[in-house]
PDB file of N, CA and C in Angstrom:
ATOM      1  N   LYS A   1       9.037 -74.678  37.390  1.00  0.00           N
ATOM      2  CA  LYS A   1       8.627 -75.065  36.032  1.00  0.00           C
ATOM      3  C   LYS A   1       8.096 -73.848  35.288  1.00  0.00           C
ATOM      4  N   ARG A   2       7.671 -72.845  36.016  1.00  0.00           N
ATOM      5  CA  ARG A   2       7.095 -71.665  35.373  1.00  0.00           C
ATOM      6  C   ARG A   2       8.115 -70.943  34.497  1.00  0.00           C
ATOM      7  N   PHE A   3       9.348 -70.859  34.969  1.00  0.00           N
ATOM      8  CA  PHE A   3      10.367 -70.183  34.161  1.00  0.00           C
ATOM      9  C   PHE A   3      10.618 -70.953  32.876  1.00  0.00           C
ATOM     10  N   TYR A   4      10.495 -72.272  32.948  1.00  0.00           N
ATOM     11  CA  TYR A   4      10.680 -73.111  31.764  1.00  0.00           C
ATOM     12  C   TYR A   4       9.592 -72.831  30.732  1.00  0.00           C
ATOM     13  N   LEU A   5       8.357 -72.703  31.207  1.00  0.00           N
ATOM     14  CA  LEU A   5       7.249 -72.434  30.299  1.00  0.00           C
ATOM     15  C   LEU A   5       7.403 -71.071  29.639  1.00  0.00           C
ATOM     16  N   GLU A   6       7.929 -70.102  30.379  1.00  0.00           N
ATOM     17  CA  GLU A   6       8.135 -68.772  29.807  1.00  0.00           C
ATOM     18  C   GLU A   6       9.198 -68.826  28.719  1.00  0.00           C
ATOM     19  N   MET A   7      10.236 -69.629  28.952  1.00  0.00           N
ATOM     20  CA  MET A   7      11.287 -69.792  27.942  1.00  0.00           C
ATOM     21  C   MET A   7      10.730 -70.509  26.726  1.00  0.00           C
ATOM     22  N   VAL A   8       9.815 -71.437  26.969  1.00  0.00           N
ATOM     23  CA  VAL A   8       9.182 -72.170  25.872  1.00  0.00           C
ATOM     24  C   VAL A   8       8.418 -71.201  24.976  1.00  0.00           C
ATOM     25  N   ARG A   9       7.711 -70.269  25.589  1.00  0.00           N
ATOM     26  CA  ARG A   9       6.935 -69.296  24.820  1.00  0.00           C
ATOM     27  C   ARG A   9       7.851 -68.378  24.022  1.00  0.00           C
ATOM     28  N   LYS A  10       9.019 -68.090  24.582  1.00  0.00           N
ATOM     29  CA  LYS A  10       9.978 -67.234  23.873  1.00  0.00           C
ATOM     30  C   LYS A  10      10.654 -67.994  22.738  1.00  0.00           C
ATOM     31  N   GLY A  11      10.606 -69.323  22.803  1.00  0.00           N
ATOM     32  CA  GLY A  11      11.219 -70.129  21.755  1.00  0.00           C
ATOM     33  C   GLY A  11      12.660 -70.479  22.095  1.00  0.00           C
ATOM     34  N   ALA A  12      13.030 -70.304  23.363  1.00  0.00           N
ATOM     35  CA  ALA A  12      14.400 -70.594  23.779  1.00  0.00           C
ATOM     36  C   ALA A  12      14.631 -72.100  23.898  1.00  0.00           C
ATOM     37  N   VAL A  13      13.549 -72.825  24.182  1.00  0.00           N
ATOM     38  CA  VAL A  13      13.659 -74.273  24.324  1.00  0.00           C
ATOM     39  C   VAL A  13      12.537 -74.943  23.538  1.00  0.00           C
ATOM     40  N   PRO A  14      12.725 -76.192  23.120  1.00  0.00           N
ATOM     41  CA  PRO A  14      11.685 -76.928  22.388  1.00  0.00           C
ATOM     42  C   PRO A  14      10.423 -77.081  23.221  1.00  0.00           C
ATOM     43  N   LYS A  15       9.273 -76.936  22.579  1.00  0.00           N
ATOM     44  CA  LYS A  15       8.003 -76.999  23.306  1.00  0.00           C
ATOM     45  C   LYS A  15       7.625 -78.444  23.616  1.00  0.00           C
ATOM     46  N   PRO A  16       7.386 -78.756  24.879  1.00  0.00           N
ATOM     47  CA  PRO A  16       6.967 -80.096  25.283  1.00  0.00           C
ATOM     48  C   PRO A  16       5.522 -80.362  24.856  1.00  0.00           C
ATOM     49  N   PRO A  17       5.157 -81.630  24.626  1.00  0.00           N
ATOM     50  CA  PRO A  17       3.806 -81.984  24.183  1.00  0.00           C
ATOM     51  C   PRO A  17       2.730 -81.563  25.178  1.00  0.00           C
ATOM     52  N   SER A  18       3.104 -81.364  26.435  1.00  0.00           N
ATOM     53  CA  SER A  18       2.123 -80.986  27.452  1.00  0.00           C
ATOM     54  C   SER A  18       1.844 -79.491  27.408  1.00  0.00           C
ATOM     55  N   ASP A  19       2.698 -78.739  26.695  1.00  0.00           N
ATOM     56  CA  ASP A  19       2.508 -77.291  26.622  1.00  0.00           C
ATOM     57  C   ASP A  19       2.806 -76.808  25.204  1.00  0.00           C
ATOM     58  N   ASP A  20       2.180 -77.470  24.230  1.00  0.00           N
ATOM     59  CA  ASP A  20       2.453 -77.097  22.841  1.00  0.00           C
ATOM     60  C   ASP A  20       1.624 -75.876  22.482  1.00  0.00           C
ATOM     61  N   GLU A  21       2.111 -74.725  22.832  1.00  0.00           N
ATOM     62  CA  GLU A  21       1.384 -73.483  22.582  1.00  0.00           C
ATOM     63  C   GLU A  21       1.895 -72.861  21.293  1.00  0.00           C
ATOM     64  N   GLY A  22       1.348 -73.333  20.157  1.00  0.00           N
ATOM     65  CA  GLY A  22       1.849 -72.852  18.879  1.00  0.00           C
ATOM     66  C   GLY A  22       3.038 -73.698  18.469  1.00  0.00           C
ATOM     67  N   SER A  23       2.980 -74.977  18.778  1.00  0.00           N
ATOM     68  CA  SER A  23       4.090 -75.871  18.456  1.00  0.00           C
ATOM     69  C   SER A  23       4.237 -76.063  16.956  1.00  0.00           C
ATOM     70  N   GLU A  24       5.469 -76.293  16.496  1.00  0.00           N
ATOM     71  CA  GLU A  24       5.685 -76.494  15.067  1.00  0.00           C
ATOM     72  C   GLU A  24       5.157 -77.848  14.617  1.00  0.00           C
ATOM     73  N   ARG A  25       4.987 -78.781  15.578  1.00  0.00           N
ATOM     74  CA  ARG A  25       4.435 -80.088  15.227  1.00  0.00           C
ATOM     75  C   ARG A  25       3.027 -80.234  15.797  1.00  0.00           C
ATOM     76  N   PRO A  26       2.080 -80.683  14.979  1.00  0.00           N
ATOM     77  CA  PRO A  26       0.699 -80.888  15.434  1.00  0.00           C
ATOM     78  C   PRO A  26       0.597 -82.032  16.431  1.00  0.00           C
ATOM     79  N   ILE A  27       0.719 -81.762  17.681  1.00  0.00           N
ATOM     80  CA  ILE A  27       0.673 -82.810  18.705  1.00  0.00           C
ATOM     81  C   ILE A  27      -0.811 -82.958  19.077  1.00  0.00           C
ATOM     82  N   LYS A  28      -1.384 -83.220  20.099  1.00  0.00           N
ATOM     83  CA  LYS A  28      -2.823 -83.436  20.124  1.00  0.00           C
ATOM     84  C   LYS A  28      -3.657 -82.187  20.357  1.00  0.00           C
ATOM     85  N   THR A  29      -3.164 -81.256  21.143  1.00  0.00           N
ATOM     86  CA  THR A  29      -3.969 -80.062  21.408  1.00  0.00           C
ATOM     87  C   THR A  29      -3.334 -78.824  20.786  1.00  0.00           C
ATOM     88  N   SER A  30      -2.727 -79.022  19.618  1.00  0.00           N
ATOM     89  CA  SER A  30      -2.063 -77.898  18.948  1.00  0.00           C
ATOM     90  C   SER A  30      -3.090 -76.892  18.452  1.00  0.00           C
ATOM     91  N   LYS A  31      -2.884 -75.616  18.746  1.00  0.00           N
ATOM     92  CA  LYS A  31      -3.817 -74.579  18.306  1.00  0.00           C
ATOM     93  C   LYS A  31      -3.799 -74.455  16.786  1.00  0.00           C
ATOM     94  N   LYS A  32      -2.683 -74.865  16.182  1.00  0.00           N
ATOM     95  CA  LYS A  32      -2.548 -74.734  14.735  1.00  0.00           C
ATOM     96  C   LYS A  32      -3.390 -75.767  14.002  1.00  0.00           C
ATOM     97  N   SER A  33      -3.574 -76.942  14.580  1.00  0.00           N
ATOM     98  CA  SER A  33      -4.322 -77.981  13.874  1.00  0.00           C
ATOM     99  C   SER A  33      -5.804 -77.912  14.219  1.00  0.00           C
ATOM    100  N   ASP A  34      -6.568 -77.352  13.299  1.00  0.00           N
ATOM    101  CA  ASP A  34      -8.014 -77.246  13.508  1.00  0.00           C
ATOM    102  C   ASP A  34      -8.701 -78.437  12.859  1.00  0.00           C
ATOM    103  N   GLY A  35      -8.632 -79.582  13.502  1.00  0.00           N
ATOM    104  CA  GLY A  35      -9.292 -80.753  12.941  1.00  0.00           C
ATOM    105  C   GLY A  35      -8.292 -81.687  12.293  1.00  0.00           C
ATOM    106  N   ASP A  36      -7.321 -81.136  11.554  1.00  0.00           N
ATOM    107  CA  ASP A  36      -6.349 -82.034  10.920  1.00  0.00           C
ATOM    108  C   ASP A  36      -5.136 -82.192  11.815  1.00  0.00           C
ATOM    109  N   GLU A  37      -5.168 -83.248  12.621  1.00  0.00           N
ATOM    110  CA  GLU A  37      -4.078 -83.489  13.555  1.00  0.00           C
ATOM    111  C   GLU A  37      -3.100 -84.487  12.954  1.00  0.00           C
ATOM    112  N   GLY A  38      -2.944 -84.426  11.646  1.00  0.00           N
ATOM    113  CA  GLY A  38      -2.072 -85.362  10.942  1.00  0.00           C
ATOM    114  C   GLY A  38      -0.613 -84.952  11.036  1.00  0.00           C
ATOM    115  N   PRO A  39       0.289 -85.848  10.659  1.00  0.00           N
ATOM    116  CA  PRO A  39       1.734 -85.580  10.713  1.00  0.00           C
ATOM    117  C   PRO A  39       2.160 -84.516   9.714  1.00  0.00           C
ATOM    118  N   SER A  40       1.338 -84.315   8.674  1.00  0.00           N
ATOM    119  CA  SER A  40       1.677 -83.310   7.663  1.00  0.00           C
ATOM    120  C   SER A  40       0.686 -82.159   7.730  1.00  0.00           C
ATOM    121  N   ASP A  41       0.611 -81.541   8.905  1.00  0.00           N
ATOM    122  CA  ASP A  41      -0.302 -80.419   9.099  1.00  0.00           C
ATOM    123  C   ASP A  41       0.233 -79.195   8.360  1.00  0.00           C
ATOM    124  N   PRO A  42      -0.551 -78.587   7.483  1.00  0.00           N
ATOM    125  CA  PRO A  42      -0.106 -77.444   6.665  1.00  0.00           C
ATOM    126  C   PRO A  42       0.295 -76.234   7.492  1.00  0.00           C
ATOM    127  N   HIS A  43      -0.231 -76.135   8.706  1.00  0.00           N
ATOM    128  CA  HIS A  43       0.074 -74.968   9.538  1.00  0.00           C
ATOM    129  C   HIS A  43       1.271 -75.226  10.446  1.00  0.00           C
ATOM    130  N   GLY A  44       1.651 -76.479  10.584  1.00  0.00           N
ATOM    131  CA  GLY A  44       2.711 -76.852  11.515  1.00  0.00           C
ATOM    132  C   GLY A  44       4.051 -76.155  11.306  1.00  0.00           C
ATOM    133  N   PRO A  45       4.753 -76.453  10.216  1.00  0.00           N
ATOM    134  CA  PRO A  45       6.127 -75.954  10.001  1.00  0.00           C
ATOM    135  C   PRO A  45       6.232 -74.436   9.881  1.00  0.00           C
ATOM    136  N   LEU A  46       5.111 -73.719   9.828  1.00  0.00           N
ATOM    137  CA  LEU A  46       5.176 -72.265   9.701  1.00  0.00           C
ATOM    138  C   LEU A  46       5.806 -71.622  10.927  1.00  0.00           C
ATOM    139  N   MET A  47       5.593 -72.214  12.087  1.00  0.00           N
ATOM    140  CA  MET A  47       6.205 -71.676  13.309  1.00  0.00           C
ATOM    141  C   MET A  47       7.656 -72.164  13.384  1.00  0.00           C
TER     142      MET A  47
END
């Protein structure tokens, strides 16, 4: 699974909700959503 996570960080594969490290969608522990974990997070689509 480690190779998968490395590919996720490179952006080769879609980021799973369990490892949303800078995910384009504000899932629950998204680093981009500082308090606003809404579906229309202003920081989301930037990635």
